[in-house]
Amino acid sequence: MTQIIALVLGALFGGGLYLAGMMNPSKIINFLDIAGTLDPSLIFVMGGGIPVAAIGYSILKKREKPLIFDGIQVPIHDVINH
């Protein structure tokens, strides 16, 4: 069952990358080419992905164990208290 869930989540992630244009090498090169033809549209992809990942990470940290994948290792190092 976890393999099916992983397949669905991977396909969803890959589809999102495809729709965002991350599969087009010239779009990536133009995004990274600051001195040339800069294409800042992929900033919106990162701007949308970072909050989603942060919300998921904060939910995962509050749980005693993960909901689906039991073997996942979550970093718990707290910089403020050290």
C-alpha atoms as a PDB file:
ATOM      1  CA  MET A   1       0.000   0.000   0.000  1.00  0.00           C
ATOM      2  CA  THR A   2       2.820   2.421   0.800  1.00  0.00           C
ATOM      3  CA  GLN A   3       4.326   1.800  -2.645  1.00  0.00           C
ATOM      4  CA  ILE A   4       1.061   2.834  -4.297  1.00  0.00           C
ATOM      5  CA  ILE A   5       0.889   5.968  -2.167  1.00  0.00           C
ATOM      6  CA  ALA A   6       4.525   6.772  -3.002  1.00  0.00           C
ATOM      7  CA  LEU A   7       3.791   6.253  -6.711  1.00  0.00           C
ATOM      8  CA  VAL A   8       0.771   8.568  -6.607  1.00  0.00           C
ATOM      9  CA  LEU A   9       2.647  11.264  -4.657  1.00  0.00           C
ATOM     10  CA  GLY A  10       5.638  11.009  -7.011  1.00  0.00           C
ATOM     11  CA  ALA A  11       3.382  11.288 -10.058  1.00  0.00           C
ATOM     12  CA  LEU A  12       1.655  14.314  -8.539  1.00  0.00           C
ATOM     13  CA  PHE A  13       5.020  15.960  -7.846  1.00  0.00           C
ATOM     14  CA  GLY A  14       6.287  15.159 -11.352  1.00  0.00           C
ATOM     15  CA  GLY A  15       3.081  16.481 -12.919  1.00  0.00           C
ATOM     16  CA  GLY A  16       3.457  19.712 -10.982  1.00  0.00           C
ATOM     17  CA  LEU A  17       7.029  20.092 -12.206  1.00  0.00           C
ATOM     18  CA  TYR A  18       5.885  19.439 -15.771  1.00  0.00           C
ATOM     19  CA  LEU A  19       3.099  22.019 -15.569  1.00  0.00           C
ATOM     20  CA  ALA A  20       5.515  24.565 -14.095  1.00  0.00           C
ATOM     21  CA  GLY A  21       7.903  24.115 -17.019  1.00  0.00           C
ATOM     22  CA  MET A  22      10.686  22.536 -14.968  1.00  0.00           C
ATOM     23  CA  MET A  23      11.111  19.804 -17.609  1.00  0.00           C
ATOM     24  CA  ASN A  24      12.189  22.346 -20.221  1.00  0.00           C
ATOM     25  CA  PRO A  25      15.998  22.702 -20.033  1.00  0.00           C
ATOM     26  CA  SER A  26      16.006  26.100 -21.755  1.00  0.00           C
ATOM     27  CA  LYS A  27      13.594  27.486 -19.151  1.00  0.00           C
ATOM     28  CA  ILE A  28      15.885  26.311 -16.342  1.00  0.00           C
ATOM     29  CA  ILE A  29      18.972  27.763 -18.067  1.00  0.00           C
ATOM     30  CA  ASN A  30      17.180  31.095 -18.587  1.00  0.00           C
ATOM     31  CA  PHE A  31      16.186  31.100 -14.922  1.00  0.00           C
ATOM     32  CA  LEU A  32      19.796  30.578 -13.845  1.00  0.00           C
ATOM     33  CA  ASP A  33      21.264  33.019 -16.413  1.00  0.00           C
ATOM     34  CA  ILE A  34      21.211  36.235 -14.384  1.00  0.00           C
ATOM     35  CA  ALA A  35      23.378  38.247 -16.787  1.00  0.00           C
ATOM     36  CA  GLY A  36      21.540  37.097 -19.921  1.00  0.00           C
ATOM     37  CA  THR A  37      17.909  36.309 -20.626  1.00  0.00           C
ATOM     38  CA  LEU A  38      16.616  35.986 -17.068  1.00  0.00           C
ATOM     39  CA  ASP A  39      13.294  34.142 -16.747  1.00  0.00           C
ATOM     40  CA  PRO A  40      12.048  34.737 -13.173  1.00  0.00           C
ATOM     41  CA  SER A  41       8.840  32.719 -13.578  1.00  0.00           C
ATOM     42  CA  LEU A  42      10.236  29.716 -11.695  1.00  0.00           C
ATOM     43  CA  ILE A  43      10.489  31.836  -8.555  1.00  0.00           C
ATOM     44  CA  PHE A  44       6.721  31.398  -8.295  1.00  0.00           C
ATOM     45  CA  VAL A  45       7.176  27.613  -8.374  1.00  0.00           C
ATOM     46  CA  MET A  46       9.593  27.812  -5.444  1.00  0.00           C
ATOM     47  CA  GLY A  47       7.385  30.393  -3.732  1.00  0.00           C
ATOM     48  CA  GLY A  48       4.469  27.985  -3.923  1.00  0.00           C
ATOM     49  CA  GLY A  49       6.422  24.896  -2.918  1.00  0.00           C
ATOM     50  CA  ILE A  50       8.230  26.253   0.113  1.00  0.00           C
ATOM     51  CA  PRO A  51       5.081  27.108   2.149  1.00  0.00           C
ATOM     52  CA  VAL A  52       3.525  23.730   1.326  1.00  0.00           C
ATOM     53  CA  ALA A  53       6.677  21.930   2.471  1.00  0.00           C
ATOM     54  CA  ALA A  54       6.904  24.083   5.614  1.00  0.00           C
ATOM     55  CA  ILE A  55       3.306  23.302   6.568  1.00  0.00           C
ATOM     56  CA  GLY A  56       3.862  19.586   5.971  1.00  0.00           C
ATOM     57  CA  TYR A  57       7.075  19.630   7.994  1.00  0.00           C
ATOM     58  CA  SER A  58       5.447  21.423  10.929  1.00  0.00           C
ATOM     59  CA  ILE A  59       2.567  18.918  10.946  1.00  0.00           C
ATOM     60  CA  LEU A  60       5.052  16.035  10.776  1.00  0.00           C
ATOM     61  CA  LYS A  61       7.091  17.417  13.696  1.00  0.00           C
ATOM     62  CA  LYS A  62       3.983  17.562  15.926  1.00  0.00           C
ATOM     63  CA  ARG A  63       3.062  13.924  15.314  1.00  0.00           C
ATOM     64  CA  GLU A  64       4.526  11.133  17.408  1.00  0.00           C
ATOM     65  CA  LYS A  65       5.130   9.044  14.297  1.00  0.00           C
ATOM     66  CA  PRO A  66       4.438   9.585  10.576  1.00  0.00           C
ATOM     67  CA  LEU A  67       0.985   8.696   9.278  1.00  0.00           C
ATOM     68  CA  ILE A  68       2.025   6.589   6.282  1.00  0.00           C
ATOM     69  CA  PHE A  69       5.768   5.939   6.047  1.00  0.00           C
ATOM     70  CA  ASP A  70       7.034   4.529   9.361  1.00  0.00           C
ATOM     71  CA  GLY A  71      10.717   4.486   8.370  1.00  0.00           C
ATOM     72  CA  ILE A  72      11.026   8.219   7.630  1.00  0.00           C
ATOM     73  CA  GLN A  73      13.707  10.144   9.525  1.00  0.00           C
ATOM     74  CA  VAL A  74      12.745  13.692  10.455  1.00  0.00           C
ATOM     75  CA  PRO A  75      15.536  16.097  11.456  1.00  0.00           C
ATOM     76  CA  ILE A  76      14.856  17.418  14.954  1.00  0.00           C
ATOM     77  CA  HIS A  77      17.963  19.552  15.620  1.00  0.00           C
ATOM     78  CA  ASP A  78      16.893  22.781  17.303  1.00  0.00           C
ATOM     79  CA  VAL A  79      19.390  25.590  16.696  1.00  0.00           C
ATOM     80  CA  ILE A  80      17.801  28.006  19.172  1.00  0.00           C
ATOM     81  CA  ASN A  81      18.277  25.791  22.243  1.00  0.00           C
ATOM     82  CA  HIS A  82      21.930  24.926  21.484  1.00  0.00           C
END
